[in-house]
C-alpha cells in the first residue's frame, strides 16, 4: 500500500509539473494537492488493503466519477513518463500490482 501511495504521488507530481508549471520538488498546485489527498484517503479506506489490485480491476469503485476521471487523465499522461523519472515504481507497478487477481467481493450473509 505504501508503494502504491508513492506511485500515485509520483504520477501526480509529474502531471502537475508539466501542466501547471514548475514548482519546488514535491510541491503541487492546489488542484493536484486536492487530488493527491483524495487518492490517499481512498487508499487508506480500501476494503482490500494488501490484497488490492489496480483500481481498474477492482469490483468496488470508491472514487467519485469526476475524481476517477481526473486520476485517469493523470495516469494516462504520467504512466509512460514514470519509466524515465521513477523506474523502480513503474516496474513494480507493472510486475506486481497489475498482475494481482481481481479481489472477490465480500458475500453478504442473510440473517
C-alpha atoms as a PDB file:
ATOM      1  CA  UNK A   1       0.000   0.000   0.000  1.00  0.00           C
ATOM      2  CA  UNK A   2       2.866   2.374   0.731  1.00  0.00           C
ATOM      3  CA  UNK A   3       4.398   1.754  -2.682  1.00  0.00           C
ATOM      4  CA  UNK A   4       1.051   2.303  -4.326  1.00  0.00           C
ATOM      5  CA  UNK A   5       0.616   5.593  -2.455  1.00  0.00           C
ATOM      6  CA  UNK A   6       4.108   6.661  -3.541  1.00  0.00           C
ATOM      7  CA  UNK A   7       3.324   5.698  -7.153  1.00  0.00           C
ATOM      8  CA  UNK A   8       0.196   7.846  -7.360  1.00  0.00           C
ATOM      9  CA  UNK A   9       2.072  10.693  -5.669  1.00  0.00           C
ATOM     10  CA  UNK A  10       4.875  10.466  -8.256  1.00  0.00           C
ATOM     11  CA  UNK A  11       2.361  10.399 -11.108  1.00  0.00           C
ATOM     12  CA  UNK A  12       0.532  13.459  -9.820  1.00  0.00           C
ATOM     13  CA  UNK A  13       3.862  15.286  -9.353  1.00  0.00           C
ATOM     14  CA  UNK A  14       4.856  14.582 -12.977  1.00  0.00           C
ATOM     15  CA  UNK A  15       1.473  15.706 -14.257  1.00  0.00           C
ATOM     16  CA  UNK A  16       1.419  18.867 -12.130  1.00  0.00           C
ATOM     17  CA  UNK A  17       4.963  19.925 -13.067  1.00  0.00           C
ATOM     18  CA  UNK A  18       4.236  19.521 -16.787  1.00  0.00           C
ATOM     19  CA  UNK A  19       0.720  21.010 -16.843  1.00  0.00           C
ATOM     20  CA  UNK A  20       0.633  23.586 -14.077  1.00  0.00           C
ATOM     21  CA  UNK A  21       4.160  24.962 -14.150  1.00  0.00           C
ATOM     22  CA  UNK A  22       7.413  24.190 -12.394  1.00  0.00           C
ATOM     23  CA  UNK A  23       7.498  24.234  -8.608  1.00  0.00           C
ATOM     24  CA  UNK A  24       9.857  23.031  -5.942  1.00  0.00           C
ATOM     25  CA  UNK A  25      10.204  19.249  -5.888  1.00  0.00           C
ATOM     26  CA  UNK A  26       7.201  17.723  -4.174  1.00  0.00           C
ATOM     27  CA  UNK A  27       5.206  20.957  -4.216  1.00  0.00           C
ATOM     28  CA  UNK A  28       1.854  20.728  -6.009  1.00  0.00           C
ATOM     29  CA  UNK A  29      -0.737  23.223  -7.164  1.00  0.00           C
ATOM     30  CA  UNK A  30      -3.968  23.357  -5.161  1.00  0.00           C
ATOM     31  CA  UNK A  31      -5.937  21.138  -7.578  1.00  0.00           C
ATOM     32  CA  UNK A  32      -3.271  18.446  -7.698  1.00  0.00           C
ATOM     33  CA  UNK A  33      -2.750  18.559  -3.927  1.00  0.00           C
ATOM     34  CA  UNK A  34      -6.502  18.024  -3.500  1.00  0.00           C
ATOM     35  CA  UNK A  35      -6.393  15.072  -5.900  1.00  0.00           C
ATOM     36  CA  UNK A  36      -3.438  13.560  -4.044  1.00  0.00           C
ATOM     37  CA  UNK A  37      -5.188  13.935  -0.687  1.00  0.00           C
ATOM     38  CA  UNK A  38      -8.323  12.320  -2.108  1.00  0.00           C
ATOM     39  CA  UNK A  39      -6.374   9.412  -3.628  1.00  0.00           C
ATOM     40  CA  UNK A  40      -4.521   8.885  -0.348  1.00  0.00           C
ATOM     41  CA  UNK A  41      -7.773   8.799   1.587  1.00  0.00           C
ATOM     42  CA  UNK A  42      -9.257   6.280  -0.852  1.00  0.00           C
ATOM     43  CA  UNK A  43      -6.181   4.055  -0.466  1.00  0.00           C
ATOM     44  CA  UNK A  44      -6.415   4.219   3.329  1.00  0.00           C
ATOM     45  CA  UNK A  45     -10.071   3.221   3.229  1.00  0.00           C
ATOM     46  CA  UNK A  46      -9.676   0.472   0.620  1.00  0.00           C
ATOM     47  CA  UNK A  47     -11.505  -2.642   1.885  1.00  0.00           C
ATOM     48  CA  UNK A  48      -8.961  -4.949   0.206  1.00  0.00           C
ATOM     49  CA  UNK A  49      -5.778  -3.295   1.581  1.00  0.00           C
ATOM     50  CA  UNK A  50      -2.758  -5.550   0.932  1.00  0.00           C
ATOM     51  CA  UNK A  51      -4.815  -7.851  -1.329  1.00  0.00           C
ATOM     52  CA  UNK A  52      -5.749  -4.922  -3.531  1.00  0.00           C
ATOM     53  CA  UNK A  53      -5.272  -4.997  -7.274  1.00  0.00           C
ATOM     54  CA  UNK A  54      -5.084  -1.946  -9.511  1.00  0.00           C
ATOM     55  CA  UNK A  55      -8.162   0.245  -9.307  1.00  0.00           C
ATOM     56  CA  UNK A  56      -9.165  -0.535 -12.901  1.00  0.00           C
ATOM     57  CA  UNK A  57      -9.592  -4.218 -11.984  1.00  0.00           C
ATOM     58  CA  UNK A  58     -11.356  -3.555  -8.695  1.00  0.00           C
ATOM     59  CA  UNK A  59     -15.018  -4.559  -8.276  1.00  0.00           C
ATOM     60  CA  UNK A  60     -15.583  -1.624  -5.881  1.00  0.00           C
ATOM     61  CA  UNK A  61     -15.232   1.820  -7.429  1.00  0.00           C
ATOM     62  CA  UNK A  62     -14.665   4.053  -4.437  1.00  0.00           C
ATOM     63  CA  UNK A  63     -13.658   7.177  -6.380  1.00  0.00           C
ATOM     64  CA  UNK A  64     -16.308   9.754  -7.244  1.00  0.00           C
ATOM     65  CA  UNK A  65     -16.790   9.818 -11.045  1.00  0.00           C
ATOM     66  CA  UNK A  66     -15.177  13.251 -11.502  1.00  0.00           C
ATOM     67  CA  UNK A  67     -12.156  12.312  -9.374  1.00  0.00           C
ATOM     68  CA  UNK A  68     -11.840   8.967 -11.172  1.00  0.00           C
ATOM     69  CA  UNK A  69     -11.677  10.811 -14.476  1.00  0.00           C
ATOM     70  CA  UNK A  70      -9.024  13.209 -13.130  1.00  0.00           C
ATOM     71  CA  UNK A  71      -6.898  10.277 -11.911  1.00  0.00           C
ATOM     72  CA  UNK A  72      -7.275   8.552 -15.281  1.00  0.00           C
ATOM     73  CA  UNK A  73      -6.072  11.710 -17.029  1.00  0.00           C
ATOM     74  CA  UNK A  74      -3.052  11.923 -14.710  1.00  0.00           C
ATOM     75  CA  UNK A  75      -2.218   8.240 -15.209  1.00  0.00           C
ATOM     76  CA  UNK A  76      -2.562   8.395 -18.987  1.00  0.00           C
ATOM     77  CA  UNK A  77      -0.105  11.266 -19.089  1.00  0.00           C
ATOM     78  CA  UNK A  78       2.299  10.205 -16.347  1.00  0.00           C
ATOM     79  CA  UNK A  79       2.346   6.443 -16.902  1.00  0.00           C
ATOM     80  CA  UNK A  80       4.714   6.462 -19.882  1.00  0.00           C
ATOM     81  CA  UNK A  81       6.938   9.066 -18.197  1.00  0.00           C
ATOM     82  CA  UNK A  82       7.260   7.032 -14.989  1.00  0.00           C
ATOM     83  CA  UNK A  83       9.767   4.717 -16.671  1.00  0.00           C
ATOM     84  CA  UNK A  84      12.210   7.623 -17.016  1.00  0.00           C
ATOM     85  CA  UNK A  85      11.543   9.534 -13.806  1.00  0.00           C
ATOM     86  CA  UNK A  86      10.696   6.719 -11.351  1.00  0.00           C
ATOM     87  CA  UNK A  87      11.772   3.439 -12.975  1.00  0.00           C
ATOM     88  CA  UNK A  88      11.536   1.334  -9.797  1.00  0.00           C
ATOM     89  CA  UNK A  89       7.948   2.402  -9.093  1.00  0.00           C
ATOM     90  CA  UNK A  90       6.974   1.868 -12.734  1.00  0.00           C
ATOM     91  CA  UNK A  91       8.461  -1.625 -12.878  1.00  0.00           C
ATOM     92  CA  UNK A  92       6.916  -2.668  -9.575  1.00  0.00           C
ATOM     93  CA  UNK A  93       3.537  -1.343 -10.666  1.00  0.00           C
ATOM     94  CA  UNK A  94       3.691  -3.347 -13.886  1.00  0.00           C
ATOM     95  CA  UNK A  95       5.107  -6.534 -12.393  1.00  0.00           C
ATOM     96  CA  UNK A  96       3.355  -6.706  -9.039  1.00  0.00           C
ATOM     97  CA  UNK A  97       0.254  -4.543  -8.870  1.00  0.00           C
ATOM     98  CA  UNK A  98      -1.198  -5.155 -12.318  1.00  0.00           C
ATOM     99  CA  UNK A  99      -0.752  -8.947 -12.096  1.00  0.00           C
ATOM    100  CA  UNK A 100      -2.765  -9.397  -8.944  1.00  0.00           C
ATOM    101  CA  UNK A 101      -6.078 -11.116  -9.485  1.00  0.00           C
ATOM    102  CA  UNK A 102      -9.290  -9.208  -9.163  1.00  0.00           C
ATOM    103  CA  UNK A 103     -10.345  -9.359  -5.496  1.00  0.00           C
ATOM    104  CA  UNK A 104     -13.550 -11.146  -4.693  1.00  0.00           C
ATOM    105  CA  UNK A 105     -16.384  -9.042  -3.418  1.00  0.00           C
ATOM    106  CA  UNK A 106     -17.474  -9.889   0.106  1.00  0.00           C
ATOM    107  CA  UNK A 107     -20.530 -12.110   0.122  1.00  0.00           C
ATOM    108  CA  UNK A 108     -23.293 -10.835   2.340  1.00  0.00           C
ATOM    109  CA  UNK A 109     -24.880 -13.385   4.577  1.00  0.00           C
ATOM    110  CA  UNK A 110     -28.582 -13.142   5.169  1.00  0.00           C
ATOM    111  CA  UNK A 111     -29.777 -13.226   8.726  1.00  0.00           C
END
